[in-house]
Amino acid sequence: MLTGKLDDEKGALKAEDLDLIKSSTEDLEKSLGELAQAAQAAGGAGGPMPDMAGNPDVEPADDEDGEPRQAKGKVVDAEVVDADK
């Protein structure tokens, strides 16, 4: 459904036809609005993500002494290099 409307929009942009661009944009916006309404009705919008409910599964770290903690597992010291330069 949306893929076809996006393809129509891309074709209208390539053709540089202003009326076709306007009509395909309106059609796409209408479909996206319907999708948003369906998602909201299904409870998929407006609420927190399941893992963002404020009930963490992990206990907070005890950083009362301010000292760095020992790393767990293998630690690798590395440098990021940009290959394009």
Protein backbone atom coordinates (compact mmCIF):
# COMPACT_ATOMS: atom_id res chain seq x y z
CA MET A 1 0.00 0.00 0.00
CA LEU A 2 2.53 2.62 1.11
CA THR A 3 5.28 1.31 -1.15
CA GLY A 4 3.17 1.98 -4.22
CA LYS A 5 2.30 5.47 -3.00
CA LEU A 6 5.96 6.21 -2.33
CA ASP A 7 6.84 5.01 -5.83
CA ASP A 8 4.13 7.30 -7.24
CA GLU A 9 5.61 10.21 -5.29
CA LYS A 10 9.13 9.47 -6.55
CA GLY A 11 7.85 9.26 -10.13
CA ALA A 12 6.05 12.57 -9.78
CA LEU A 13 9.20 14.21 -8.43
CA LYS A 14 11.29 12.85 -11.29
CA ALA A 15 8.72 14.06 -13.82
CA GLU A 16 8.75 17.51 -12.17
CA ASP A 17 4.97 17.75 -12.69
CA LEU A 18 3.66 20.07 -9.97
CA ASP A 19 0.03 18.89 -10.17
CA LEU A 20 1.10 15.24 -10.05
CA ILE A 21 3.41 15.97 -7.11
CA LYS A 22 0.60 17.67 -5.20
CA SER A 23 -1.92 14.89 -5.81
CA SER A 24 0.51 12.07 -4.98
CA THR A 25 1.63 13.93 -1.83
CA GLU A 26 -1.97 14.35 -0.67
CA ASP A 27 -2.66 10.67 -1.35
CA LEU A 28 0.46 9.63 0.57
CA GLU A 29 -0.39 11.92 3.51
CA LYS A 30 -3.91 10.48 3.65
CA SER A 31 -2.56 6.93 3.77
CA LEU A 32 -0.02 7.83 6.44
CA GLY A 33 -2.77 9.45 8.50
CA GLU A 34 -4.85 6.28 8.27
CA LEU A 35 -1.82 4.25 9.31
CA ALA A 36 -1.20 6.52 12.31
CA GLN A 37 -4.83 6.22 13.40
CA ALA A 38 -4.69 2.43 13.13
CA ALA A 39 -1.47 2.31 15.15
CA GLN A 40 -2.93 4.56 17.83
CA ALA A 41 -6.12 2.49 18.00
CA ALA A 42 -4.01 -0.65 18.40
CA GLY A 43 -2.18 0.93 21.31
CA GLY A 44 1.07 1.22 19.40
CA ALA A 45 1.44 4.97 19.78
CA GLY A 46 1.51 7.42 22.62
CA GLY A 47 2.75 5.09 25.32
CA PRO A 48 6.21 4.30 26.57
CA MET A 49 8.27 1.59 24.95
CA PRO A 50 8.00 -1.73 26.83
CA ASP A 51 11.51 -1.46 28.25
CA MET A 52 11.04 2.23 29.10
CA ALA A 53 8.34 1.71 31.71
CA GLY A 54 10.48 3.00 34.54
CA ASN A 55 11.03 -0.46 36.01
CA PRO A 56 14.63 -1.29 35.18
CA ASP A 57 15.67 -4.94 35.21
CA VAL A 58 19.13 -3.98 36.46
CA GLU A 59 20.06 -2.70 39.87
CA PRO A 60 21.84 0.68 39.85
CA ALA A 61 25.60 0.58 40.36
CA ASP A 62 27.01 1.56 43.73
CA ASP A 63 29.17 4.57 42.83
CA GLU A 64 29.24 6.07 46.29
CA ASP A 65 33.03 6.03 46.58
CA GLY A 66 33.60 7.77 43.21
CA GLU A 67 36.34 5.32 42.24
CA PRO A 68 36.39 3.75 38.77
CA ARG A 69 35.16 0.18 38.62
CA GLN A 70 37.10 -2.76 37.26
CA ALA A 71 35.98 -3.71 33.74
CA LYS A 72 34.39 -7.11 33.22
CA GLY A 73 35.66 -9.27 30.39
CA LYS A 74 38.33 -8.49 27.84
CA VAL A 75 39.09 -4.80 27.35
CA VAL A 76 40.64 -3.62 24.08
CA ASP A 77 42.24 -0.20 23.74
CA ALA A 78 41.56 0.94 20.18
CA GLU A 79 41.54 4.05 18.04
CA VAL A 80 38.88 4.91 15.47
CA VAL A 81 40.43 5.65 12.08
CA ASP A 82 38.49 7.29 9.26
CA ALA A 83 39.34 5.30 6.12
CA ASP A 84 38.33 8.20 3.82
CA LYS A 85 41.14 10.47 5.00
